[in-house]
Amino acid sequence: MKIYPAVDIKDGKCVRLKKGVAEDKTVYFEDPVDAAKSFVDAGSKVIHVVDLDGAFEGKMHNLKTIERIASLGLFVELGGGMRDESAVEAAFGAGVGRAIIGTKACTNPEFAISLAERFGGKIAVGIDAKGGLVAIKGWVEVAEISAFDLAGKLAKGGVKTFIYTDIDTDGMLSGVNLSAQKKMLQVLLPAGARLIASGGVASVGDIENLKTLSREYSNLEGVIVGKAIYEKKVNLPEIIKLVEY
């Protein structure tokens, strides 16, 4: 299992939101690259980056910053605003290792499936849920489809990596919704698809619980950790070592 420290970029800065609300943000670094450098110094080899401006507006805004992050040698997975194939290609051109399709995967599942056919493991689908239903367009709209139904359809179609965020816990330091993550793992396992869990990590105990879950479900690839790192609720070098086995 891997720890994916998170960098969310809005207005050119590294921020964290509460429950995805754009107006409820905290700025942690003026330059997101400085956050990424701190993760490299802590021993991280992977990073989860979200172009929040792109997510809200439907097109990427921070590609130059993302390119600078990729130049540090990290494996970068990127989400936010990639709603056509040219945007995905631009992300790969900037050094991104994995492109995360969110809104477009919900509104047009065939789009995500076609990308997975073309790019294989370099494509992931990000499914974000409010009350079990898929949230789209930077979490400002909720679609009338279950997160688990959408994941099952896409996994059967050939998508192999999923990121599942429980919005009700995201940025709240309230703990991981383990039952929801476990259910998603159960949905994905028959299709051989992997999951990266996201939302709510507040302590080392959350990481330990997910590590235990990964022993039961081999398709739990990792966990995204954001605010808990910035607020010093967890020590990044410590949790990286904890999950390595």
C-alpha atoms as a PDB file:
ATOM      1  CA  MET A   1       0.000   0.000   0.000  1.00  0.00           C
ATOM      2  CA  LYS A   2       1.233   3.493  -0.844  1.00  0.00           C
ATOM      3  CA  ILE A   3       0.744   6.866   0.807  1.00  0.00           C
ATOM      4  CA  TYR A   4      -0.205   9.552  -1.711  1.00  0.00           C
ATOM      5  CA  PRO A   5       0.334  12.982  -0.137  1.00  0.00           C
ATOM      6  CA  ALA A   6      -2.046  15.480  -1.703  1.00  0.00           C
ATOM      7  CA  VAL A   7      -1.499  18.878  -3.269  1.00  0.00           C
ATOM      8  CA  ASP A   8      -4.654  20.753  -4.228  1.00  0.00           C
ATOM      9  CA  ILE A   9      -4.026  23.834  -6.366  1.00  0.00           C
ATOM     10  CA  LYS A  10      -6.384  26.806  -6.440  1.00  0.00           C
ATOM     11  CA  ASP A  11      -5.525  30.315  -7.636  1.00  0.00           C
ATOM     12  CA  GLY A  12      -1.928  29.126  -8.009  1.00  0.00           C
ATOM     13  CA  LYS A  13      -1.597  28.157  -4.334  1.00  0.00           C
ATOM     14  CA  CYS A  14      -1.574  24.931  -2.329  1.00  0.00           C
ATOM     15  CA  VAL A  15      -4.862  24.797  -0.422  1.00  0.00           C
ATOM     16  CA  ARG A  16      -7.188  22.401   1.361  1.00  0.00           C
ATOM     17  CA  LEU A  17     -10.959  22.657   1.248  1.00  0.00           C
ATOM     18  CA  LYS A  18     -13.552  21.416   3.715  1.00  0.00           C
ATOM     19  CA  LYS A  19     -16.005  19.018   2.055  1.00  0.00           C
ATOM     20  CA  GLY A  20     -14.956  20.438  -1.329  1.00  0.00           C
ATOM     21  CA  VAL A  21     -16.418  23.897  -0.702  1.00  0.00           C
ATOM     22  CA  ALA A  22     -14.382  26.403  -2.736  1.00  0.00           C
ATOM     23  CA  GLU A  23     -15.000  29.276  -0.345  1.00  0.00           C
ATOM     24  CA  ASP A  24     -13.931  27.278   2.719  1.00  0.00           C
ATOM     25  CA  LYS A  25     -10.230  27.007   1.970  1.00  0.00           C
ATOM     26  CA  THR A  26      -6.970  27.197   3.884  1.00  0.00           C
ATOM     27  CA  VAL A  27      -3.756  28.190   2.106  1.00  0.00           C
ATOM     28  CA  TYR A  28      -0.766  26.113   3.224  1.00  0.00           C
ATOM     29  CA  PHE A  29       1.861  27.036   0.616  1.00  0.00           C
ATOM     30  CA  GLU A  30       1.986  30.025  -1.696  1.00  0.00           C
ATOM     31  CA  ASP A  31       3.823  27.807  -4.195  1.00  0.00           C
ATOM     32  CA  PRO A  32       2.508  24.227  -4.478  1.00  0.00           C
ATOM     33  CA  VAL A  33       5.959  23.088  -5.616  1.00  0.00           C
ATOM     34  CA  ASP A  34       7.262  23.823  -2.117  1.00  0.00           C
ATOM     35  CA  ALA A  35       4.684  21.402  -0.708  1.00  0.00           C
ATOM     36  CA  ALA A  36       5.806  18.755  -3.197  1.00  0.00           C
ATOM     37  CA  LYS A  37       9.453  19.336  -2.262  1.00  0.00           C
ATOM     38  CA  SER A  38       8.599  18.773   1.400  1.00  0.00           C
ATOM     39  CA  PHE A  39       7.041  15.429   0.453  1.00  0.00           C
ATOM     40  CA  VAL A  40      10.163  14.417  -1.469  1.00  0.00           C
ATOM     41  CA  ASP A  41      12.262  15.323   1.573  1.00  0.00           C
ATOM     42  CA  ALA A  42       9.971  13.133   3.692  1.00  0.00           C
ATOM     43  CA  GLY A  43      10.651  10.137   1.450  1.00  0.00           C
ATOM     44  CA  SER A  44       7.622  10.160  -0.812  1.00  0.00           C
ATOM     45  CA  LYS A  45       7.935   8.874  -4.369  1.00  0.00           C
ATOM     46  CA  VAL A  46       4.307   9.485  -5.368  1.00  0.00           C
ATOM     47  CA  ILE A  47       1.954  12.454  -5.157  1.00  0.00           C
ATOM     48  CA  HIS A  48      -1.727  13.154  -5.747  1.00  0.00           C
ATOM     49  CA  VAL A  49      -2.357  16.533  -7.391  1.00  0.00           C
ATOM     50  CA  VAL A  50      -5.713  18.193  -8.041  1.00  0.00           C
ATOM     51  CA  ASP A  51      -6.152  21.240 -10.253  1.00  0.00           C
ATOM     52  CA  LEU A  52      -9.133  22.654  -8.369  1.00  0.00           C
ATOM     53  CA  ASP A  53      -9.526  25.544 -10.789  1.00  0.00           C
ATOM     54  CA  GLY A  54      -9.764  22.958 -13.545  1.00  0.00           C
ATOM     55  CA  ALA A  55     -12.290  20.891 -11.617  1.00  0.00           C
ATOM     56  CA  PHE A  56     -14.579  23.861 -11.026  1.00  0.00           C
ATOM     57  CA  GLU A  57     -14.233  25.398 -14.500  1.00  0.00           C
ATOM     58  CA  GLY A  58     -13.887  22.334 -16.707  1.00  0.00           C
ATOM     59  CA  LYS A  59     -10.398  22.961 -18.123  1.00  0.00           C
ATOM     60  CA  MET A  60      -6.902  22.785 -16.646  1.00  0.00           C
ATOM     61  CA  HIS A  61      -5.400  25.994 -15.301  1.00  0.00           C
ATOM     62  CA  ASN A  62      -2.203  25.006 -13.495  1.00  0.00           C
ATOM     63  CA  LEU A  63      -0.305  22.823 -15.944  1.00  0.00           C
ATOM     64  CA  LYS A  64       2.974  24.753 -15.656  1.00  0.00           C
ATOM     65  CA  THR A  65       2.973  24.288 -11.885  1.00  0.00           C
ATOM     66  CA  ILE A  66       2.169  20.614 -12.325  1.00  0.00           C
ATOM     67  CA  GLU A  67       5.054  20.279 -14.769  1.00  0.00           C
ATOM     68  CA  ARG A  68       7.379  21.761 -12.129  1.00  0.00           C
ATOM     69  CA  ILE A  69       6.123  19.233  -9.585  1.00  0.00           C
ATOM     70  CA  ALA A  70       6.688  16.360 -12.015  1.00  0.00           C
ATOM     71  CA  SER A  71      10.246  17.586 -12.614  1.00  0.00           C
ATOM     72  CA  LEU A  72      11.065  16.717  -8.979  1.00  0.00           C
ATOM     73  CA  GLY A  73      11.023  13.041  -9.966  1.00  0.00           C
ATOM     74  CA  LEU A  74       7.760  12.130  -8.264  1.00  0.00           C
ATOM     75  CA  PHE A  75       5.145   9.886  -9.836  1.00  0.00           C
ATOM     76  CA  VAL A  76       2.301  12.350 -10.295  1.00  0.00           C
ATOM     77  CA  GLU A  77      -1.347  11.387 -10.526  1.00  0.00           C
ATOM     78  CA  LEU A  78      -3.442  14.359 -11.580  1.00  0.00           C
ATOM     79  CA  GLY A  79      -7.126  15.158 -11.450  1.00  0.00           C
ATOM     80  CA  GLY A  80      -9.178  18.217 -12.296  1.00  0.00           C
ATOM     81  CA  GLY A  81     -10.516  19.547 -15.577  1.00  0.00           C
ATOM     82  CA  MET A  82      -9.503  16.758 -17.960  1.00  0.00           C
ATOM     83  CA  ARG A  83     -12.697  16.399 -19.926  1.00  0.00           C
ATOM     84  CA  ASP A  84     -11.345  15.629 -23.389  1.00  0.00           C
ATOM     85  CA  GLU A  85      -8.528  13.558 -24.844  1.00  0.00           C
ATOM     86  CA  SER A  86      -6.334  16.562 -25.692  1.00  0.00           C
ATOM     87  CA  ALA A  87      -6.307  17.608 -22.015  1.00  0.00           C
ATOM     88  CA  VAL A  88      -5.207  14.118 -21.009  1.00  0.00           C
ATOM     89  CA  GLU A  89      -2.427  14.191 -23.601  1.00  0.00           C
ATOM     90  CA  ALA A  90      -1.333  17.627 -22.339  1.00  0.00           C
ATOM     91  CA  ALA A  91      -1.087  16.240 -18.812  1.00  0.00           C
ATOM     92  CA  PHE A  92       1.075  13.348 -19.961  1.00  0.00           C
ATOM     93  CA  GLY A  93       3.202  15.824 -21.910  1.00  0.00           C
ATOM     94  CA  ALA A  94       3.796  17.726 -18.670  1.00  0.00           C
ATOM     95  CA  GLY A  95       5.190  14.609 -17.006  1.00  0.00           C
ATOM     96  CA  VAL A  96       2.065  13.292 -15.289  1.00  0.00           C
ATOM     97  CA  GLY A  97       2.143   9.530 -14.730  1.00  0.00           C
ATOM     98  CA  ARG A  98      -1.573   8.935 -14.247  1.00  0.00           C
ATOM     99  CA  ALA A  99      -4.552  11.026 -15.362  1.00  0.00           C
ATOM    100  CA  ILE A 100      -7.687  10.943 -13.234  1.00  0.00           C
ATOM    101  CA  ILE A 101     -11.001  11.331 -15.017  1.00  0.00           C
ATOM    102  CA  GLY A 102     -13.839  12.480 -12.782  1.00  0.00           C
ATOM    103  CA  THR A 103     -16.868  14.375 -14.062  1.00  0.00           C
ATOM    104  CA  LYS A 104     -16.601  13.087 -17.638  1.00  0.00           C
ATOM    105  CA  ALA A 105     -16.444   9.479 -16.406  1.00  0.00           C
ATOM    106  CA  CYS A 106     -19.858   9.978 -14.831  1.00  0.00           C
ATOM    107  CA  THR A 107     -21.520  11.928 -17.632  1.00  0.00           C
ATOM    108  CA  ASN A 108     -19.940   9.798 -20.376  1.00  0.00           C
ATOM    109  CA  PRO A 109     -18.602   6.458 -19.046  1.00  0.00           C
ATOM    110  CA  GLU A 110     -17.631   5.360 -22.560  1.00  0.00           C
ATOM    111  CA  PHE A 111     -15.116   8.213 -22.653  1.00  0.00           C
ATOM    112  CA  ALA A 112     -13.252   6.827 -19.636  1.00  0.00           C
ATOM    113  CA  ILE A 113     -13.419   3.301 -20.993  1.00  0.00           C
ATOM    114  CA  SER A 114     -11.973   4.406 -24.351  1.00  0.00           C
ATOM    115  CA  LEU A 115      -9.125   6.216 -22.586  1.00  0.00           C
ATOM    116  CA  ALA A 116      -8.374   3.091 -20.554  1.00  0.00           C
ATOM    117  CA  GLU A 117      -8.262   1.075 -23.772  1.00  0.00           C
ATOM    118  CA  ARG A 118      -5.784   3.550 -25.267  1.00  0.00           C
ATOM    119  CA  PHE A 119      -3.585   4.401 -22.258  1.00  0.00           C
ATOM    120  CA  GLY A 120      -4.041   1.380 -19.982  1.00  0.00           C
ATOM    121  CA  GLY A 121      -2.890   1.889 -16.410  1.00  0.00           C
ATOM    122  CA  LYS A 122      -2.124   5.557 -16.984  1.00  0.00           C
ATOM    123  CA  ILE A 123      -5.845   6.262 -16.630  1.00  0.00           C
ATOM    124  CA  ALA A 124      -7.745   6.275 -13.341  1.00  0.00           C
ATOM    125  CA  VAL A 125     -11.318   7.236 -12.571  1.00  0.00           C
ATOM    126  CA  GLY A 126     -11.994   9.429  -9.581  1.00  0.00           C
ATOM    127  CA  ILE A 127     -15.384   8.774  -8.014  1.00  0.00           C
ATOM    128  CA  ASP A 128     -16.453  11.247  -5.364  1.00  0.00           C
ATOM    129  CA  ALA A 129     -19.613  10.604  -3.374  1.00  0.00           C
ATOM    130  CA  LYS A 130     -22.037  12.576  -1.231  1.00  0.00           C
ATOM    131  CA  GLY A 131     -24.403  10.281   0.592  1.00  0.00           C
ATOM    132  CA  GLY A 132     -23.401   7.457  -1.742  1.00  0.00           C
ATOM    133  CA  LEU A 133     -24.267   9.385  -4.931  1.00  0.00           C
ATOM    134  CA  VAL A 134     -21.674  10.606  -7.426  1.00  0.00           C
ATOM    135  CA  ALA A 135     -20.709  14.288  -7.146  1.00  0.00           C
ATOM    136  CA  ILE A 136     -19.385  16.058 -10.254  1.00  0.00           C
ATOM    137  CA  LYS A 137     -18.045  19.409 -11.533  1.00  0.00           C
ATOM    138  CA  GLY A 138     -15.832  20.077  -8.544  1.00  0.00           C
ATOM    139  CA  TRP A 139     -18.436  18.484  -6.244  1.00  0.00           C
ATOM    140  CA  VAL A 140     -20.979  21.246  -6.866  1.00  0.00           C
ATOM    141  CA  GLU A 141     -23.521  18.901  -8.506  1.00  0.00           C
ATOM    142  CA  VAL A 142     -24.764  15.475  -7.460  1.00  0.00           C
ATOM    143  CA  ALA A 143     -25.730  12.963 -10.150  1.00  0.00           C
ATOM    144  CA  GLU A 144     -28.504  10.426  -9.689  1.00  0.00           C
ATOM    145  CA  ILE A 145     -26.200   7.431  -9.828  1.00  0.00           C
ATOM    146  CA  SER A 146     -24.667   5.361  -7.059  1.00  0.00           C
ATOM    147  CA  ALA A 147     -20.890   5.559  -6.741  1.00  0.00           C
ATOM    148  CA  PHE A 148     -20.768   1.772  -6.530  1.00  0.00           C
ATOM    149  CA  ASP A 149     -22.927   1.228  -9.616  1.00  0.00           C
ATOM    150  CA  LEU A 150     -20.728   3.593 -11.648  1.00  0.00           C
ATOM    151  CA  ALA A 151     -17.528   1.931 -10.434  1.00  0.00           C
ATOM    152  CA  GLY A 152     -18.856  -1.510 -11.287  1.00  0.00           C
ATOM    153  CA  LYS A 153     -19.805  -0.454 -14.806  1.00  0.00           C
ATOM    154  CA  LEU A 154     -16.439   1.188 -15.485  1.00  0.00           C
ATOM    155  CA  ALA A 155     -14.431  -1.688 -13.996  1.00  0.00           C
ATOM    156  CA  LYS A 156     -16.269  -4.154 -16.213  1.00  0.00           C
ATOM    157  CA  GLY A 157     -15.445  -1.845 -19.133  1.00  0.00           C
ATOM    158  CA  GLY A 158     -11.709  -2.108 -18.466  1.00  0.00           C
ATOM    159  CA  VAL A 159     -10.797   0.765 -16.118  1.00  0.00           C
ATOM    160  CA  LYS A 160      -8.238  -0.675 -13.686  1.00  0.00           C
ATOM    161  CA  THR A 161      -7.596   2.091 -11.131  1.00  0.00           C
ATOM    162  CA  PHE A 162     -10.139   4.014  -9.073  1.00  0.00           C
ATOM    163  CA  ILE A 163      -9.913   6.755  -6.477  1.00  0.00           C
ATOM    164  CA  TYR A 164     -12.901   6.872  -4.166  1.00  0.00           C
ATOM    165  CA  THR A 165     -13.436  10.002  -2.075  1.00  0.00           C
ATOM    166  CA  ASP A 166     -16.036  10.245   0.634  1.00  0.00           C
ATOM    167  CA  ILE A 167     -16.838  13.961   0.446  1.00  0.00           C
ATOM    168  CA  ASP A 168     -18.640  14.029   3.780  1.00  0.00           C
ATOM    169  CA  THR A 169     -15.326  13.290   5.519  1.00  0.00           C
ATOM    170  CA  ASP A 170     -12.920  15.053   3.151  1.00  0.00           C
ATOM    171  CA  GLY A 171     -10.896  17.805   4.805  1.00  0.00           C
ATOM    172  CA  MET A 172     -12.717  17.249   8.101  1.00  0.00           C
ATOM    173  CA  LEU A 173     -10.072  15.201   9.969  1.00  0.00           C
ATOM    174  CA  SER A 174     -12.962  13.035  11.130  1.00  0.00           C
ATOM    175  CA  GLY A 175     -11.635   9.598  10.198  1.00  0.00           C
ATOM    176  CA  VAL A 176     -11.941   7.367   7.145  1.00  0.00           C
ATOM    177  CA  ASN A 177     -15.325   5.944   6.146  1.00  0.00           C
ATOM    178  CA  LEU A 178     -14.026   2.381   6.249  1.00  0.00           C
ATOM    179  CA  SER A 179     -17.361   0.724   5.446  1.00  0.00           C
ATOM    180  CA  ALA A 180     -17.710   2.729   2.224  1.00  0.00           C
ATOM    181  CA  GLN A 181     -14.130   2.014   1.173  1.00  0.00           C
ATOM    182  CA  LYS A 182     -14.597  -1.683   1.937  1.00  0.00           C
ATOM    183  CA  LYS A 183     -17.764  -1.791  -0.161  1.00  0.00           C
ATOM    184  CA  MET A 184     -15.924  -0.164  -3.069  1.00  0.00           C
ATOM    185  CA  LEU A 185     -13.129  -2.722  -2.783  1.00  0.00           C
ATOM    186  CA  GLN A 186     -15.715  -5.502  -2.944  1.00  0.00           C
ATOM    187  CA  VAL A 187     -17.266  -3.970  -6.076  1.00  0.00           C
ATOM    188  CA  LEU A 188     -13.923  -3.647  -7.861  1.00  0.00           C
ATOM    189  CA  LEU A 189     -12.269  -6.928  -6.875  1.00  0.00           C
ATOM    190  CA  PRO A 190     -14.098  -9.253  -9.326  1.00  0.00           C
ATOM    191  CA  ALA A 191     -12.955  -7.102 -12.254  1.00  0.00           C
ATOM    192  CA  GLY A 192      -9.345  -7.007 -11.024  1.00  0.00           C
ATOM    193  CA  ALA A 193      -9.487  -3.237 -10.479  1.00  0.00           C
ATOM    194  CA  ARG A 194      -7.531  -1.410  -7.764  1.00  0.00           C
ATOM    195  CA  LEU A 195      -8.604   1.276  -5.324  1.00  0.00           C
ATOM    196  CA  ILE A 196      -6.908   4.302  -3.815  1.00  0.00           C
ATOM    197  CA  ALA A 197      -8.894   5.451  -0.778  1.00  0.00           C
ATOM    198  CA  SER A 198      -9.428   9.147  -0.111  1.00  0.00           C
ATOM    199  CA  GLY A 199     -11.106  11.339   2.474  1.00  0.00           C
ATOM    200  CA  GLY A 200     -10.986  11.791   6.220  1.00  0.00           C
ATOM    201  CA  VAL A 201      -7.558  10.515   7.295  1.00  0.00           C
ATOM    202  CA  ALA A 202      -7.016  12.095  10.705  1.00  0.00           C
ATOM    203  CA  SER A 203      -4.503   9.925  12.519  1.00  0.00           C
ATOM    204  CA  VAL A 204      -2.022   7.081  12.320  1.00  0.00           C
ATOM    205  CA  GLY A 205      -4.894   4.868  13.448  1.00  0.00           C
ATOM    206  CA  ASP A 206      -6.706   5.527  10.166  1.00  0.00           C
ATOM    207  CA  ILE A 207      -3.626   4.407   8.253  1.00  0.00           C
ATOM    208  CA  GLU A 208      -3.340   1.293  10.415  1.00  0.00           C
ATOM    209  CA  ASN A 209      -7.009   0.463   9.778  1.00  0.00           C
ATOM    210  CA  LEU A 210      -6.516   0.794   6.025  1.00  0.00           C
ATOM    211  CA  LYS A 211      -3.361  -1.316   6.190  1.00  0.00           C
ATOM    212  CA  THR A 212      -5.395  -4.028   7.934  1.00  0.00           C
ATOM    213  CA  LEU A 213      -8.050  -3.710   5.230  1.00  0.00           C
ATOM    214  CA  SER A 214      -5.350  -4.116   2.558  1.00  0.00           C
ATOM    215  CA  ARG A 215      -4.483  -7.524   3.997  1.00  0.00           C
ATOM    216  CA  GLU A 216      -8.081  -8.600   3.404  1.00  0.00           C
ATOM    217  CA  TYR A 217      -8.382  -6.882   0.007  1.00  0.00           C
ATOM    218  CA  SER A 218      -5.258  -7.039  -2.113  1.00  0.00           C
ATOM    219  CA  ASN A 219      -6.703  -4.460  -4.524  1.00  0.00           C
ATOM    220  CA  LEU A 220      -6.307  -1.603  -2.014  1.00  0.00           C
ATOM    221  CA  GLU A 221      -3.345   0.136  -3.651  1.00  0.00           C
ATOM    222  CA  GLY A 222      -3.031   3.170  -1.421  1.00  0.00           C
ATOM    223  CA  VAL A 223      -4.507   6.095   0.460  1.00  0.00           C
ATOM    224  CA  ILE A 224      -4.485   9.824  -0.204  1.00  0.00           C
ATOM    225  CA  VAL A 225      -3.524  11.966   2.779  1.00  0.00           C
ATOM    226  CA  GLY A 226      -3.911  15.734   2.704  1.00  0.00           C
ATOM    227  CA  LYS A 227      -4.963  17.922   5.586  1.00  0.00           C
ATOM    228  CA  ALA A 228      -3.661  15.502   8.221  1.00  0.00           C
ATOM    229  CA  ILE A 229      -0.135  16.113   6.881  1.00  0.00           C
ATOM    230  CA  TYR A 230      -0.499  19.885   6.713  1.00  0.00           C
ATOM    231  CA  GLU A 231      -2.021  20.085  10.199  1.00  0.00           C
ATOM    232  CA  LYS A 232       0.673  17.722  11.548  1.00  0.00           C
ATOM    233  CA  LYS A 233      -1.842  15.114  12.674  1.00  0.00           C
ATOM    234  CA  VAL A 234       0.377  12.490  11.034  1.00  0.00           C
ATOM    235  CA  ASN A 235       4.093  12.360  10.312  1.00  0.00           C
ATOM    236  CA  LEU A 236       4.651  11.601   6.618  1.00  0.00           C
ATOM    237  CA  PRO A 237       7.954   9.666   6.936  1.00  0.00           C
ATOM    238  CA  GLU A 238       6.372   7.602   9.732  1.00  0.00           C
ATOM    239  CA  ILE A 239       3.240   6.612   7.817  1.00  0.00           C
ATOM    240  CA  ILE A 240       5.252   5.865   4.655  1.00  0.00           C
ATOM    241  CA  LYS A 241       7.322   3.374   6.670  1.00  0.00           C
ATOM    242  CA  LEU A 242       4.196   1.999   8.322  1.00  0.00           C
ATOM    243  CA  VAL A 243       2.597   0.867   5.084  1.00  0.00           C
ATOM    244  CA  GLU A 244       5.714  -0.526   3.400  1.00  0.00           C
ATOM    245  CA  TYR A 245       5.670  -4.316   3.486  1.00  0.00           C
END
